[in-house]
Amino acid sequence: MNAENIIPIGTSVGGGFFIGLVLGYFVKKIVKILMFVAGGIVGLLLYLQQQQIISVNMEKLETSSTAILTSLASTFDKMTQIGDFTSIGIPLAASIAAGFTVALAKS
């Protein structure tokens, strides 16, 4: 194997790993922010209910949250069907997946 064949593969793998690393980092941060906001909203609702300022219908809240989670899951399923990694090549897809996993695993 000569250098002309190795350089494009090395660039693809290295670039893909970096893209996956950045993507995983930002996904992790966005999920943390969304969980913080959702927890704050639920905490505020429970506090206001305890102080008898508002009345929260827990059955409607559960139904709404189930519907939201179901729609998010179906949207994610549709996104994974559209974004087929096989069309971009095995080295690039594998390196993106590796970078994404490393970014999510880091504390």
Protein backbone atom coordinates (compact mmCIF):
# COMPACT_ATOMS: atom_id res chain seq x y z
CA MET A 1 0.00 0.00 0.00
CA ASN A 2 1.36 3.40 -0.86
CA ALA A 3 0.74 6.78 0.76
CA GLU A 4 -1.72 7.85 -1.93
CA ASN A 5 -4.19 5.19 -0.76
CA ILE A 6 -3.64 5.65 2.99
CA ILE A 7 -4.00 9.44 3.25
CA PRO A 8 -7.68 9.65 2.16
CA ILE A 9 -8.66 6.80 4.49
CA GLY A 10 -6.74 8.36 7.39
CA THR A 11 -8.34 11.72 6.77
CA SER A 12 -11.79 10.14 6.58
CA VAL A 13 -11.32 8.21 9.82
CA GLY A 14 -9.72 11.10 11.72
CA GLY A 15 -12.21 13.67 10.49
CA GLY A 16 -15.13 11.38 11.19
CA PHE A 17 -13.89 10.72 14.72
CA PHE A 18 -13.58 14.46 15.36
CA ILE A 19 -17.08 15.10 13.96
CA GLY A 20 -18.49 12.31 16.13
CA LEU A 21 -16.67 13.66 19.18
CA VAL A 22 -18.07 17.16 18.70
CA LEU A 23 -21.55 15.85 17.91
CA GLY A 24 -21.58 13.63 21.00
CA TYR A 25 -20.36 16.47 23.21
CA PHE A 26 -23.10 18.82 22.07
CA VAL A 27 -25.81 16.16 22.28
CA LYS A 28 -24.73 15.41 25.85
CA LYS A 29 -24.82 19.10 26.82
CA ILE A 30 -28.21 19.71 25.18
CA VAL A 31 -29.72 16.67 26.93
CA LYS A 32 -28.38 17.90 30.29
CA ILE A 33 -29.86 21.36 29.74
CA LEU A 34 -33.23 19.93 28.68
CA MET A 35 -33.34 17.61 31.70
CA PHE A 36 -32.48 20.51 34.01
CA VAL A 37 -35.26 22.64 32.55
CA ALA A 38 -37.81 19.80 32.66
CA GLY A 39 -36.88 18.99 36.26
CA GLY A 40 -37.19 22.64 37.21
CA ILE A 41 -40.65 22.89 35.66
CA VAL A 42 -41.85 19.72 37.41
CA GLY A 43 -40.34 20.88 40.70
CA LEU A 44 -42.01 24.27 40.38
CA LEU A 45 -45.38 22.68 39.62
CA LEU A 46 -45.10 20.35 42.61
CA TYR A 47 -44.08 23.22 44.90
CA LEU A 48 -46.96 25.40 43.74
CA GLN A 49 -49.35 22.49 44.21
CA GLN A 50 -48.04 21.88 47.73
CA GLN A 51 -48.56 25.56 48.57
CA GLN A 52 -52.10 25.20 47.16
CA ILE A 53 -51.54 27.98 44.66
CA ILE A 54 -52.40 25.74 41.73
CA SER A 55 -54.03 22.37 41.26
CA VAL A 56 -52.25 19.88 39.00
CA ASN A 57 -54.26 17.13 37.35
CA MET A 58 -51.71 14.32 37.47
CA GLU A 59 -53.68 12.08 35.08
CA LYS A 60 -53.65 14.73 32.34
CA LEU A 61 -49.98 15.44 33.04
CA GLU A 62 -49.15 11.74 32.69
CA THR A 63 -51.18 11.44 29.49
CA SER A 64 -49.51 14.50 27.98
CA SER A 65 -46.01 13.38 28.90
CA THR A 66 -46.65 9.91 27.48
CA ALA A 67 -47.87 11.42 24.22
CA ILE A 68 -44.83 13.69 24.00
CA LEU A 69 -42.40 10.83 24.65
CA THR A 70 -44.16 8.64 22.09
CA SER A 71 -43.95 11.33 19.43
CA LEU A 72 -40.26 11.92 20.21
CA ALA A 73 -39.56 8.20 19.92
CA SER A 74 -41.33 7.96 16.56
CA THR A 75 -39.49 11.05 15.30
CA PHE A 76 -36.16 9.50 16.33
CA ASP A 77 -37.08 6.28 14.53
CA LYS A 78 -37.88 8.23 11.35
CA MET A 79 -34.61 10.16 11.60
CA THR A 80 -32.56 6.97 11.90
CA GLN A 81 -34.30 5.50 8.88
CA ILE A 82 -33.56 8.58 6.77
CA GLY A 83 -29.91 8.97 7.83
CA ASP A 84 -28.44 5.76 6.48
CA PHE A 85 -24.74 5.60 7.34
CA THR A 86 -23.97 2.94 4.76
CA SER A 87 -23.96 5.52 1.98
CA ILE A 88 -21.01 7.42 3.50
CA GLY A 89 -18.71 4.44 3.81
CA ILE A 90 -17.66 2.11 6.57
CA PRO A 91 -14.50 3.94 7.80
CA LEU A 92 -16.29 7.28 8.13
CA ALA A 93 -19.42 5.81 9.75
CA ALA A 94 -17.36 3.74 12.18
CA SER A 95 -15.17 6.67 13.17
CA ILE A 96 -18.20 8.94 13.69
CA ALA A 97 -19.79 6.26 15.88
CA ALA A 98 -16.56 5.82 17.84
CA GLY A 99 -16.19 9.57 18.40
CA PHE A 100 -19.83 9.88 19.42
CA THR A 101 -19.43 7.03 21.92
CA VAL A 102 -16.26 8.49 23.40
CA ALA A 103 -17.90 11.89 23.83
CA LEU A 104 -20.95 10.40 25.56
CA ALA A 105 -18.83 8.18 27.81
CA LYS A 106 -16.60 11.00 29.08
CA SER A 107 -17.76 12.49 32.37
